[in-house]
PDB file of all heavy atoms in Angstrom:
ATOM      1  N   LEU A   1      93.238 104.044  53.057  1.00  0.00           N
ATOM      2  CA  LEU A   1      93.728 105.120  52.210  1.00  0.00           C
ATOM      3  C   LEU A   1      94.890 104.594  51.394  1.00  0.00           C
ATOM      4  O   LEU A   1      95.863 104.075  51.957  1.00  0.00           O
ATOM      5  CB  LEU A   1      94.183 106.306  53.070  1.00  0.00           C
ATOM      6  CG  LEU A   1      94.815 107.490  52.321  1.00  0.00           C
ATOM      7  CD1 LEU A   1      93.813 108.134  51.367  1.00  0.00           C
ATOM      8  CD2 LEU A   1      95.361 108.512  53.317  1.00  0.00           C
ATOM      9  N   ILE A   2      94.773 104.702  50.063  1.00  0.00           N
ATOM     10  CA  ILE A   2      95.826 104.243  49.149  1.00  0.00           C
ATOM     11  C   ILE A   2      96.505 105.466  48.560  1.00  0.00           C
ATOM     12  O   ILE A   2      95.870 106.258  47.861  1.00  0.00           O
ATOM     13  CB  ILE A   2      95.238 103.374  48.023  1.00  0.00           C
ATOM     14  CG1 ILE A   2      94.510 102.161  48.584  1.00  0.00           C
ATOM     15  CG2 ILE A   2      96.346 102.933  47.062  1.00  0.00           C
ATOM     16  CD1 ILE A   2      93.722 101.376  47.537  1.00  0.00           C
ATOM     17  N   THR A   3      97.798 105.645  48.853  1.00  0.00           N
ATOM     18  CA  THR A   3      98.533 106.716  48.196  1.00  0.00           C
ATOM     19  C   THR A   3      98.961 106.214  46.812  1.00  0.00           C
ATOM     20  O   THR A   3      99.301 105.051  46.640  1.00  0.00           O
ATOM     21  CB  THR A   3      99.769 107.151  48.998  1.00  0.00           C
ATOM     22  OG1 THR A   3     100.770 106.132  48.936  1.00  0.00           O
ATOM     23  CG2 THR A   3      99.409 107.435  50.450  1.00  0.00           C
ATOM     24  N   GLY A   4      98.908 107.114  45.828  1.00  0.00           N
ATOM     25  CA  GLY A   4      99.210 106.669  44.461  1.00  0.00           C
ATOM     26  C   GLY A   4      98.106 105.808  43.896  1.00  0.00           C
ATOM     27  O   GLY A   4      98.358 104.836  43.176  1.00  0.00           O
ATOM     28  N   ILE A   5      96.860 106.151  44.181  1.00  0.00           N
ATOM     29  CA  ILE A   5      95.707 105.342  43.769  1.00  0.00           C
ATOM     30  C   ILE A   5      95.634 105.176  42.256  1.00  0.00           C
ATOM     31  O   ILE A   5      95.141 104.166  41.751  1.00  0.00           O
ATOM     32  CB  ILE A   5      94.392 105.970  44.298  1.00  0.00           C
ATOM     33  CG1 ILE A   5      93.171 105.077  44.012  1.00  0.00           C
ATOM     34  CG2 ILE A   5      94.155 107.349  43.704  1.00  0.00           C
ATOM     35  CD1 ILE A   5      92.896 104.067  45.043  1.00  0.00           C
ATOM     36  N   ASN A   6      96.146 106.160  41.498  1.00  0.00           N
ATOM     37  CA  ASN A   6      96.067 106.079  40.039  1.00  0.00           C
ATOM     38  C   ASN A   6      97.214 105.308  39.408  1.00  0.00           C
ATOM     39  O   ASN A   6      97.293 105.187  38.184  1.00  0.00           O
ATOM     40  CB  ASN A   6      96.005 107.488  39.431  1.00  0.00           C
ATOM     41  CG  ASN A   6      94.606 108.077  39.504  1.00  0.00           C
ATOM     42  OD1 ASN A   6      93.619 107.354  39.438  1.00  0.00           O
ATOM     43  ND2 ASN A   6      94.519 109.386  39.654  1.00  0.00           N
ATOM     44  N   GLY A   7      98.099 104.774  40.234  1.00  0.00           N
ATOM     45  CA  GLY A   7      99.195 103.974  39.702  1.00  0.00           C
ATOM     46  C   GLY A   7      98.776 102.554  39.363  1.00  0.00           C
ATOM     47  O   GLY A   7      97.662 102.118  39.676  1.00  0.00           O
ATOM     48  N   PHE A   8      99.676 101.837  38.745  1.00  0.00           N
ATOM     49  CA  PHE A   8      99.446 100.446  38.344  1.00  0.00           C
ATOM     50  C   PHE A   8      98.985  99.591  39.524  1.00  0.00           C
ATOM     51  O   PHE A   8      97.936  98.941  39.479  1.00  0.00           O
ATOM     52  CB  PHE A   8     100.747  99.903  37.737  1.00  0.00           C
ATOM     53  CG  PHE A   8     100.843  98.406  37.611  1.00  0.00           C
ATOM     54  CD1 PHE A   8      99.891  97.681  36.915  1.00  0.00           C
ATOM     55  CD2 PHE A   8     101.922  97.727  38.176  1.00  0.00           C
ATOM     56  CE1 PHE A   8      99.996  96.297  36.789  1.00  0.00           C
ATOM     57  CE2 PHE A   8     102.034  96.351  38.052  1.00  0.00           C
ATOM     58  CZ  PHE A   8     101.072  95.634  37.359  1.00  0.00           C
ATOM     59  N   VAL A   9      99.742  99.610  40.610  1.00  0.00           N
ATOM     60  CA  VAL A   9      99.417  98.768  41.760  1.00  0.00           C
ATOM     61  C   VAL A   9      98.233  99.337  42.530  1.00  0.00           C
ATOM     62  O   VAL A   9      97.370  98.591  43.007  1.00  0.00           O
ATOM     63  CB  VAL A   9     100.642  98.601  42.674  1.00  0.00           C
ATOM     64  CG1 VAL A   9     100.309  97.664  43.833  1.00  0.00           C
ATOM     65  CG2 VAL A   9     101.828  98.060  41.897  1.00  0.00           C
ATOM     66  N   GLY A  10      98.161 100.666  42.646  1.00  0.00           N
ATOM     67  CA  GLY A  10      97.071 101.290  43.390  1.00  0.00           C
ATOM     68  C   GLY A  10      95.703 100.904  42.873  1.00  0.00           C
ATOM     69  O   GLY A  10      94.782 100.620  43.651  1.00  0.00           O
ATOM     70  N   GLY A  11      95.550 100.868  41.547  1.00  0.00           N
ATOM     71  CA  GLY A  11      94.271 100.485  40.960  1.00  0.00           C
ATOM     72  C   GLY A  11      93.907  99.047  41.268  1.00  0.00           C
ATOM     73  O   GLY A  11      92.754  98.735  41.606  1.00  0.00           O
ATOM     74  N   HIS A  12      94.886  98.149  41.163  1.00  0.00           N
ATOM     75  CA  HIS A  12      94.620  96.738  41.467  1.00  0.00           C
ATOM     76  C   HIS A  12      94.293  96.545  42.944  1.00  0.00           C
ATOM     77  O   HIS A  12      93.423  95.734  43.295  1.00  0.00           O
ATOM     78  CB  HIS A  12      95.820  95.884  41.069  1.00  0.00           C
ATOM     79  CG  HIS A  12      95.891  95.598  39.599  1.00  0.00           C
ATOM     80  ND1 HIS A  12      95.072  94.678  38.978  1.00  0.00           N
ATOM     81  CD2 HIS A  12      96.678  96.122  38.621  1.00  0.00           C
ATOM     82  CE1 HIS A  12      95.352  94.643  37.676  1.00  0.00           C
ATOM     83  NE2 HIS A  12      96.322  95.507  37.441  1.00  0.00           N
ATOM     84  N   LEU A  13      94.984  97.286  43.815  1.00  0.00           N
ATOM     85  CA  LEU A  13      94.703  97.171  45.247  1.00  0.00           C
ATOM     86  C   LEU A  13      93.295  97.659  45.570  1.00  0.00           C
ATOM     87  O   LEU A  13      92.563  97.005  46.318  1.00  0.00           O
ATOM     88  CB  LEU A  13      95.744  97.966  46.037  1.00  0.00           C
ATOM     89  CG  LEU A  13      95.527  98.039  47.552  1.00  0.00           C
ATOM     90  CD1 LEU A  13      95.444  96.647  48.180  1.00  0.00           C
ATOM     91  CD2 LEU A  13      96.642  98.861  48.203  1.00  0.00           C
ATOM     92  N   ALA A  14      92.902  98.791  45.001  1.00  0.00           N
ATOM     93  CA  ALA A  14      91.550  99.310  45.242  1.00  0.00           C
ATOM     94  C   ALA A  14      90.501  98.316  44.756  1.00  0.00           C
ATOM     95  O   ALA A  14      89.501  98.058  45.456  1.00  0.00           O
ATOM     96  CB  ALA A  14      91.374 100.653  44.545  1.00  0.00           C
ATOM     97  N   GLU A  15      90.708  97.756  43.572  1.00  0.00           N
ATOM     98  CA  GLU A  15      89.760  96.762  43.057  1.00  0.00           C
ATOM     99  C   GLU A  15      89.664  95.563  43.986  1.00  0.00           C
ATOM    100  O   GLU A  15      88.566  95.032  44.226  1.00  0.00           O
ATOM    101  CB  GLU A  15      90.194  96.307  41.660  1.00  0.00           C
ATOM    102  CG  GLU A  15      89.949  97.326  40.573  1.00  0.00           C
ATOM    103  CD  GLU A  15      90.397  96.819  39.212  1.00  0.00           C
ATOM    104  OE1 GLU A  15      91.392  96.063  39.138  1.00  0.00           O
ATOM    105  OE2 GLU A  15      89.768  97.196  38.220  1.00  0.00           O
ATOM    106  N   TYR A  16      90.790  95.121  44.507  1.00  0.00           N
ATOM    107  CA  TYR A  16      90.780  93.942  45.389  1.00  0.00           C
ATOM    108  C   TYR A  16      90.038  94.234  46.696  1.00  0.00           C
ATOM    109  O   TYR A  16      89.231  93.419  47.159  1.00  0.00           O
ATOM    110  CB  TYR A  16      92.212  93.492  45.678  1.00  0.00           C
ATOM    111  CG  TYR A  16      92.275  92.312  46.623  1.00  0.00           C
ATOM    112  CD1 TYR A  16      91.800  91.057  46.231  1.00  0.00           C
ATOM    113  CD2 TYR A  16      92.785  92.449  47.911  1.00  0.00           C
ATOM    114  CE1 TYR A  16      91.831  89.975  47.097  1.00  0.00           C
ATOM    115  CE2 TYR A  16      92.820  91.365  48.777  1.00  0.00           C
ATOM    116  CZ  TYR A  16      92.345  90.134  48.364  1.00  0.00           C
ATOM    117  OH  TYR A  16      92.372  89.063  49.234  1.00  0.00           O
ATOM    118  N   LEU A  17      90.284  95.396  47.292  1.00  0.00           N
ATOM    119  CA  LEU A  17      89.603  95.746  48.534  1.00  0.00           C
ATOM    120  C   LEU A  17      88.085  95.807  48.328  1.00  0.00           C
ATOM    121  O   LEU A  17      87.307  95.337  49.170  1.00  0.00           O
ATOM    122  CB  LEU A  17      90.112  97.076  49.062  1.00  0.00           C
ATOM    123  CG  LEU A  17      91.554  97.095  49.590  1.00  0.00           C
ATOM    124  CD1 LEU A  17      91.973  98.526  49.933  1.00  0.00           C
ATOM    125  CD2 LEU A  17      91.716  96.182  50.796  1.00  0.00           C
ATOM    126  N   LEU A  18      87.672  96.382  47.208  1.00  0.00           N
ATOM    127  CA  LEU A  18      86.235  96.452  46.912  1.00  0.00           C
ATOM    128  C   LEU A  18      85.658  95.060  46.650  1.00  0.00           C
ATOM    129  O   LEU A  18      84.522  94.759  47.017  1.00  0.00           O
ATOM    130  CB  LEU A  18      85.999  97.361  45.712  1.00  0.00           C
ATOM    131  CG  LEU A  18      86.348  98.849  45.924  1.00  0.00           C
ATOM    132  CD1 LEU A  18      86.317  99.590  44.603  1.00  0.00           C
ATOM    133  CD2 LEU A  18      85.381  99.489  46.931  1.00  0.00           C
ATOM    134  N   GLN A  19      86.451  94.225  46.014  1.00  0.00           N
ATOM    135  CA  GLN A  19      85.995  92.865  45.692  1.00  0.00           C
ATOM    136  C   GLN A  19      85.768  92.031  46.948  1.00  0.00           C
ATOM    137  O   GLN A  19      84.761  91.320  47.058  1.00  0.00           O
ATOM    138  CB  GLN A  19      87.042  92.184  44.808  1.00  0.00           C
ATOM    139  CG  GLN A  19      86.802  90.703  44.542  1.00  0.00           C
ATOM    140  CD  GLN A  19      88.026  90.011  43.981  1.00  0.00           C
ATOM    141  OE1 GLN A  19      88.809  90.616  43.241  1.00  0.00           O
ATOM    142  NE2 GLN A  19      88.225  88.759  44.337  1.00  0.00           N
ATOM    143  N   ILE A  20      86.671  92.114  47.927  1.00  0.00           N
ATOM    144  CA  ILE A  20      86.544  91.265  49.106  1.00  0.00           C
ATOM    145  C   ILE A  20      85.539  91.841  50.106  1.00  0.00           C
ATOM    146  O   ILE A  20      85.029  91.124  50.969  1.00  0.00           O
ATOM    147  CB  ILE A  20      87.902  91.023  49.796  1.00  0.00           C
ATOM    148  CG1 ILE A  20      88.520  92.330  50.280  1.00  0.00           C
ATOM    149  CG2 ILE A  20      88.839  90.276  48.867  1.00  0.00           C
ATOM    150  CD1 ILE A  20      89.824  92.134  51.048  1.00  0.00           C
ATOM    151  N   GLY A  21      85.239  93.137  49.981  1.00  0.00           N
ATOM    152  CA  GLY A  21      84.252  93.754  50.844  1.00  0.00           C
ATOM    153  C   GLY A  21      84.784  94.076  52.227  1.00  0.00           C
ATOM    154  O   GLY A  21      85.853  93.608  52.642  1.00  0.00           O
ATOM    155  N   GLY A  22      84.022  94.900  52.956  1.00  0.00           N
ATOM    156  CA  GLY A  22      84.412  95.269  54.303  1.00  0.00           C
ATOM    157  C   GLY A  22      85.321  96.476  54.373  1.00  0.00           C
ATOM    158  O   GLY A  22      85.803  96.822  55.452  1.00  0.00           O
ATOM    159  N   TRP A  23      85.558  97.133  53.219  1.00  0.00           N
ATOM    160  CA  TRP A  23      86.487  98.260  53.169  1.00  0.00           C
ATOM    161  C   TRP A  23      85.817  99.487  52.565  1.00  0.00           C
ATOM    162  O   TRP A  23      85.113  99.390  51.558  1.00  0.00           O
ATOM    163  CB  TRP A  23      87.714  97.922  52.328  1.00  0.00           C
ATOM    164  CG  TRP A  23      88.595  96.862  52.928  1.00  0.00           C
ATOM    165  CD1 TRP A  23      88.473  95.514  52.749  1.00  0.00           C
ATOM    166  CD2 TRP A  23      89.720  97.063  53.780  1.00  0.00           C
ATOM    167  NE1 TRP A  23      89.458  94.853  53.442  1.00  0.00           N
ATOM    168  CE2 TRP A  23      90.247  95.787  54.088  1.00  0.00           C
ATOM    169  CE3 TRP A  23      90.344  98.196  54.315  1.00  0.00           C
ATOM    170  CZ2 TRP A  23      91.358  95.606  54.904  1.00  0.00           C
ATOM    171  CZ3 TRP A  23      91.449  98.019  55.128  1.00  0.00           C
ATOM    172  CH2 TRP A  23      91.950  96.739  55.418  1.00  0.00           C
ATOM    173  N   GLU A  24      86.073 100.627  53.173  1.00  0.00           N
ATOM    174  CA  GLU A  24      85.767 101.922  52.587  1.00  0.00           C
ATOM    175  C   GLU A  24      87.077 102.452  52.018  1.00  0.00           C
ATOM    176  O   GLU A  24      88.054 102.618  52.765  1.00  0.00           O
ATOM    177  CB  GLU A  24      85.230 102.881  53.654  1.00  0.00           C
ATOM    178  CG  GLU A  24      84.995 104.304  53.169  1.00  0.00           C
ATOM    179  CD  GLU A  24      84.662 105.233  54.323  1.00  0.00           C
ATOM    180  OE1 GLU A  24      84.099 104.777  55.334  1.00  0.00           O
ATOM    181  OE2 GLU A  24      84.994 106.427  54.206  1.00  0.00           O
ATOM    182  N   VAL A  25      87.125 102.682  50.718  1.00  0.00           N
ATOM    183  CA  VAL A  25      88.399 102.947  50.045  1.00  0.00           C
ATOM    184  C   VAL A  25      88.505 104.416  49.635  1.00  0.00           C
ATOM    185  O   VAL A  25      87.626 104.956  48.959  1.00  0.00           O
ATOM    186  CB  VAL A  25      88.571 102.039  48.803  1.00  0.00           C
ATOM    187  CG1 VAL A  25      89.936 102.271  48.173  1.00  0.00           C
ATOM    188  CG2 VAL A  25      88.394 100.567  49.189  1.00  0.00           C
ATOM    189  N   TRP A  26      89.599 105.027  50.061  1.00  0.00           N
ATOM    190  CA  TRP A  26      89.971 106.376  49.677  1.00  0.00           C
ATOM    191  C   TRP A  26      91.319 106.320  48.960  1.00  0.00           C
ATOM    192  O   TRP A  26      92.096 105.378  49.155  1.00  0.00           O
ATOM    193  CB  TRP A  26      90.121 107.280  50.897  1.00  0.00           C
ATOM    194  CG  TRP A  26      88.861 107.587  51.641  1.00  0.00           C
ATOM    195  CD1 TRP A  26      88.082 106.720  52.360  1.00  0.00           C
ATOM    196  CD2 TRP A  26      88.232 108.872  51.754  1.00  0.00           C
ATOM    197  NE1 TRP A  26      87.014 107.371  52.914  1.00  0.00           N
ATOM    198  CE2 TRP A  26      87.084 108.698  52.573  1.00  0.00           C
ATOM    199  CE3 TRP A  26      88.531 110.147  51.269  1.00  0.00           C
ATOM    200  CZ2 TRP A  26      86.235 109.752  52.895  1.00  0.00           C
ATOM    201  CZ3 TRP A  26      87.688 111.194  51.598  1.00  0.00           C
ATOM    202  CH2 TRP A  26      86.563 111.001  52.397  1.00  0.00           C
ATOM    203  N   GLY A  27      91.589 107.342  48.171  1.00  0.00           N
ATOM    204  CA  GLY A  27      92.874 107.415  47.494  1.00  0.00           C
ATOM    205  C   GLY A  27      93.441 108.825  47.528  1.00  0.00           C
ATOM    206  O   GLY A  27      92.696 109.799  47.585  1.00  0.00           O
ATOM    207  N   ILE A  28      94.761 108.911  47.507  1.00  0.00           N
ATOM    208  CA  ILE A  28      95.463 110.187  47.340  1.00  0.00           C
ATOM    209  C   ILE A  28      96.198 110.140  46.017  1.00  0.00           C
ATOM    210  O   ILE A  28      96.844 109.147  45.677  1.00  0.00           O
ATOM    211  CB  ILE A  28      96.478 110.434  48.473  1.00  0.00           C
ATOM    212  CG1 ILE A  28      95.777 110.792  49.772  1.00  0.00           C
ATOM    213  CG2 ILE A  28      97.452 111.556  48.103  1.00  0.00           C
ATOM    214  CD1 ILE A  28      96.731 111.085  50.916  1.00  0.00           C
ATOM    215  N   ASP A  29      96.088 111.235  45.270  1.00  0.00           N
ATOM    216  CA  ASP A  29      96.839 111.359  44.028  1.00  0.00           C
ATOM    217  C   ASP A  29      97.025 112.846  43.730  1.00  0.00           C
ATOM    218  O   ASP A  29      96.291 113.691  44.250  1.00  0.00           O
ATOM    219  CB  ASP A  29      96.106 110.675  42.866  1.00  0.00           C
ATOM    220  CG  ASP A  29      97.041 110.400  41.692  1.00  0.00           C
ATOM    221  OD1 ASP A  29      97.731 109.364  41.724  1.00  0.00           O
ATOM    222  OD2 ASP A  29      97.092 111.228  40.757  1.00  0.00           O
ATOM    223  N   ARG A  30      97.999 113.162  42.894  1.00  0.00           N
ATOM    224  CA  ARG A  30      98.182 114.555  42.483  1.00  0.00           C
ATOM    225  C   ARG A  30      97.034 115.019  41.603  1.00  0.00           C
ATOM    226  O   ARG A  30      96.775 116.214  41.484  1.00  0.00           O
ATOM    227  CB  ARG A  30      99.514 114.706  41.736  1.00  0.00           C
ATOM    228  CG  ARG A  30     100.734 114.546  42.635  1.00  0.00           C
ATOM    229  CD  ARG A  30     102.021 114.575  41.835  1.00  0.00           C
ATOM    230  NE  ARG A  30     103.198 114.492  42.704  1.00  0.00           N
ATOM    231  CZ  ARG A  30     104.429 114.342  42.274  1.00  0.00           C
ATOM    232  NH1 ARG A  30     104.665 114.267  40.969  1.00  0.00           N
ATOM    233  NH2 ARG A  30     105.437 114.288  43.119  1.00  0.00           N
ATOM    234  N   SER A  31      96.346 114.075  40.983  1.00  0.00           N
ATOM    235  CA  SER A  31      95.168 114.385  40.173  1.00  0.00           C
ATOM    236  C   SER A  31      93.930 114.366  41.054  1.00  0.00           C
ATOM    237  O   SER A  31      93.894 113.715  42.102  1.00  0.00           O
ATOM    238  CB  SER A  31      95.021 113.363  39.047  1.00  0.00           C
ATOM    239  OG  SER A  31      93.772 113.468  38.417  1.00  0.00           O
ATOM    240  N   SER A  32      92.889 115.060  40.597  1.00  0.00           N
ATOM    241  CA  SER A  32      91.637 115.089  41.359  1.00  0.00           C
ATOM    242  C   SER A  32      90.636 114.061  40.856  1.00  0.00           C
ATOM    243  O   SER A  32      89.517 113.995  41.358  1.00  0.00           O
ATOM    244  CB  SER A  32      91.007 116.483  41.273  1.00  0.00           C
ATOM    245  OG  SER A  32      90.704 116.809  39.920  1.00  0.00           O
ATOM    246  N   SER A  33      91.019 113.251  39.872  1.00  0.00           N
ATOM    247  CA  SER A  33      90.090 112.274  39.306  1.00  0.00           C
ATOM    248  C   SER A  33      90.728 110.893  39.278  1.00  0.00           C
ATOM    249  O   SER A  33      91.951 110.750  39.340  1.00  0.00           O
ATOM    250  CB  SER A  33      89.670 112.685  37.886  1.00  0.00           C
ATOM    251  OG  SER A  33      90.802 112.780  37.045  1.00  0.00           O
ATOM    252  N   LEU A  34      89.889 109.877  39.185  1.00  0.00           N
ATOM    253  CA  LEU A  34      90.341 108.488  39.134  1.00  0.00           C
ATOM    254  C   LEU A  34      90.534 108.062  37.691  1.00  0.00           C
ATOM    255  O   LEU A  34      89.655 108.260  36.848  1.00  0.00           O
ATOM    256  CB  LEU A  34      89.327 107.579  39.822  1.00  0.00           C
ATOM    257  CG  LEU A  34      89.224 107.718  41.339  1.00  0.00           C
ATOM    258  CD1 LEU A  34      87.920 107.114  41.847  1.00  0.00           C
ATOM    259  CD2 LEU A  34      90.414 107.043  42.015  1.00  0.00           C
ATOM    260  N   ASN A  35      91.673 107.452  37.399  1.00  0.00           N
ATOM    261  CA  ASN A  35      91.950 106.987  36.042  1.00  0.00           C
ATOM    262  C   ASN A  35      91.143 105.740  35.683  1.00  0.00           C
ATOM    263  O   ASN A  35      90.751 105.558  34.528  1.00  0.00           O
ATOM    264  CB  ASN A  35      93.435 106.671  35.878  1.00  0.00           C
ATOM    265  CG  ASN A  35      94.307 107.908  35.937  1.00  0.00           C
ATOM    266  OD1 ASN A  35      93.825 109.030  35.831  1.00  0.00           O
ATOM    267  ND2 ASN A  35      95.610 107.704  36.107  1.00  0.00           N
ATOM    268  N   LEU A  36      90.913 104.879  36.658  1.00  0.00           N
ATOM    269  CA  LEU A  36      90.331 103.560  36.393  1.00  0.00           C
ATOM    270  C   LEU A  36      88.810 103.639  36.481  1.00  0.00           C
ATOM    271  O   LEU A  36      88.249 103.930  37.540  1.00  0.00           O
ATOM    272  CB  LEU A  36      90.887 102.557  37.407  1.00  0.00           C
ATOM    273  CG  LEU A  36      90.839 101.072  37.056  1.00  0.00           C
ATOM    274  CD1 LEU A  36      91.539 100.800  35.736  1.00  0.00           C
ATOM    275  CD2 LEU A  36      91.475 100.262  38.174  1.00  0.00           C
ATOM    276  N   ALA A  37      88.148 103.354  35.363  1.00  0.00           N
ATOM    277  CA  ALA A  37      86.689 103.480  35.309  1.00  0.00           C
ATOM    278  C   ALA A  37      85.997 102.584  36.328  1.00  0.00           C
ATOM    279  O   ALA A  37      84.939 102.944  36.873  1.00  0.00           O
ATOM    280  CB  ALA A  37      86.195 103.154  33.903  1.00  0.00           C
ATOM    281  N   SER A  38      86.573 101.421  36.626  1.00  0.00           N
ATOM    282  CA  SER A  38      85.939 100.485  37.556  1.00  0.00           C
ATOM    283  C   SER A  38      85.841 101.034  38.976  1.00  0.00           C
ATOM    284  O   SER A  38      85.080 100.516  39.794  1.00  0.00           O
ATOM    285  CB  SER A  38      86.709  99.158  37.575  1.00  0.00           C
ATOM    286  OG  SER A  38      88.021  99.343  38.067  1.00  0.00           O
ATOM    287  N   LEU A  39      86.603 102.084  39.273  1.00  0.00           N
ATOM    288  CA  LEU A  39      86.605 102.648  40.626  1.00  0.00           C
ATOM    289  C   LEU A  39      85.651 103.822  40.779  1.00  0.00           C
ATOM    290  O   LEU A  39      85.387 104.258  41.905  1.00  0.00           O
ATOM    291  CB  LEU A  39      88.018 103.098  41.013  1.00  0.00           C
ATOM    292  CG  LEU A  39      89.118 102.039  40.961  1.00  0.00           C
ATOM    293  CD1 LEU A  39      90.443 102.637  41.427  1.00  0.00           C
ATOM    294  CD2 LEU A  39      88.755 100.817  41.804  1.00  0.00           C
ATOM    295  N   HIS A  40      85.126 104.335  39.657  1.00  0.00           N
ATOM    296  CA  HIS A  40      84.252 105.508  39.722  1.00  0.00           C
ATOM    297  C   HIS A  40      83.008 105.197  40.559  1.00  0.00           C
ATOM    298  O   HIS A  40      82.366 104.160  40.383  1.00  0.00           O
ATOM    299  CB  HIS A  40      83.849 105.951  38.317  1.00  0.00           C
ATOM    300  CG  HIS A  40      84.987 106.512  37.529  1.00  0.00           C
ATOM    301  ND1 HIS A  40      84.894 106.873  36.209  1.00  0.00           N
ATOM    302  CD2 HIS A  40      86.274 106.786  37.874  1.00  0.00           C
ATOM    303  CE1 HIS A  40      86.057 107.329  35.779  1.00  0.00           C
ATOM    304  NE2 HIS A  40      86.908 107.280  36.770  1.00  0.00           N
ATOM    305  N   GLY A  41      82.696 106.094  41.466  1.00  0.00           N
ATOM    306  CA  GLY A  41      81.527 105.918  42.314  1.00  0.00           C
ATOM    307  C   GLY A  41      81.747 104.996  43.491  1.00  0.00           C
ATOM    308  O   GLY A  41      80.858 104.838  44.327  1.00  0.00           O
ATOM    309  N   GLN A  42      82.915 104.378  43.567  1.00  0.00           N
ATOM    310  CA  GLN A  42      83.201 103.445  44.660  1.00  0.00           C
ATOM    311  C   GLN A  42      84.371 103.882  45.536  1.00  0.00           C
ATOM    312  O   GLN A  42      84.497 103.417  46.670  1.00  0.00           O
ATOM    313  CB  GLN A  42      83.509 102.051  44.100  1.00  0.00           C
ATOM    314  CG  GLN A  42      82.381 101.436  43.292  1.00  0.00           C
ATOM    315  CD  GLN A  42      82.670  99.973  43.007  1.00  0.00           C
ATOM    316  OE1 GLN A  42      82.465  99.100  43.847  1.00  0.00           O
ATOM    317  NE2 GLN A  42      83.160  99.708  41.811  1.00  0.00           N
ATOM    318  N   VAL A  43      85.223 104.732  44.992  1.00  0.00           N
ATOM    319  CA  VAL A  43      86.416 105.191  45.700  1.00  0.00           C
ATOM    320  C   VAL A  43      86.389 106.707  45.762  1.00  0.00           C
ATOM    321  O   VAL A  43      86.086 107.369  44.770  1.00  0.00           O
ATOM    322  CB  VAL A  43      87.702 104.713  44.991  1.00  0.00           C
ATOM    323  CG1 VAL A  43      88.939 105.359  45.608  1.00  0.00           C
ATOM    324  CG2 VAL A  43      87.813 103.195  45.042  1.00  0.00           C
ATOM    325  N   ARG A  44      86.695 107.258  46.928  1.00  0.00           N
ATOM    326  CA  ARG A  44      86.793 108.708  47.075  1.00  0.00           C
ATOM    327  C   ARG A  44      88.253 109.121  46.972  1.00  0.00           C
ATOM    328  O   ARG A  44      89.129 108.475  47.562  1.00  0.00           O
ATOM    329  CB  ARG A  44      86.213 109.150  48.421  1.00  0.00           C
ATOM    330  CG  ARG A  44      84.702 108.996  48.482  1.00  0.00           C
ATOM    331  CD  ARG A  44      84.170 109.516  49.807  1.00  0.00           C
ATOM    332  NE  ARG A  44      83.652 108.425  50.606  1.00  0.00           N
ATOM    333  CZ  ARG A  44      82.975 108.583  51.738  1.00  0.00           C
ATOM    334  NH1 ARG A  44      82.764 109.798  52.214  1.00  0.00           N
ATOM    335  NH2 ARG A  44      82.522 107.549  52.406  1.00  0.00           N
TER     336      ARG A  44
END
């Protein structure tokens, strides 16, 4: 679980976890949507 998933670092961290594999990635944000298109469909 990444808090601040829509932030600068949060997006890079989510991408890295997905890249290395073995992780189910969730995020918390005040928004209900993901800013980073590369995370759509891969991060809840």
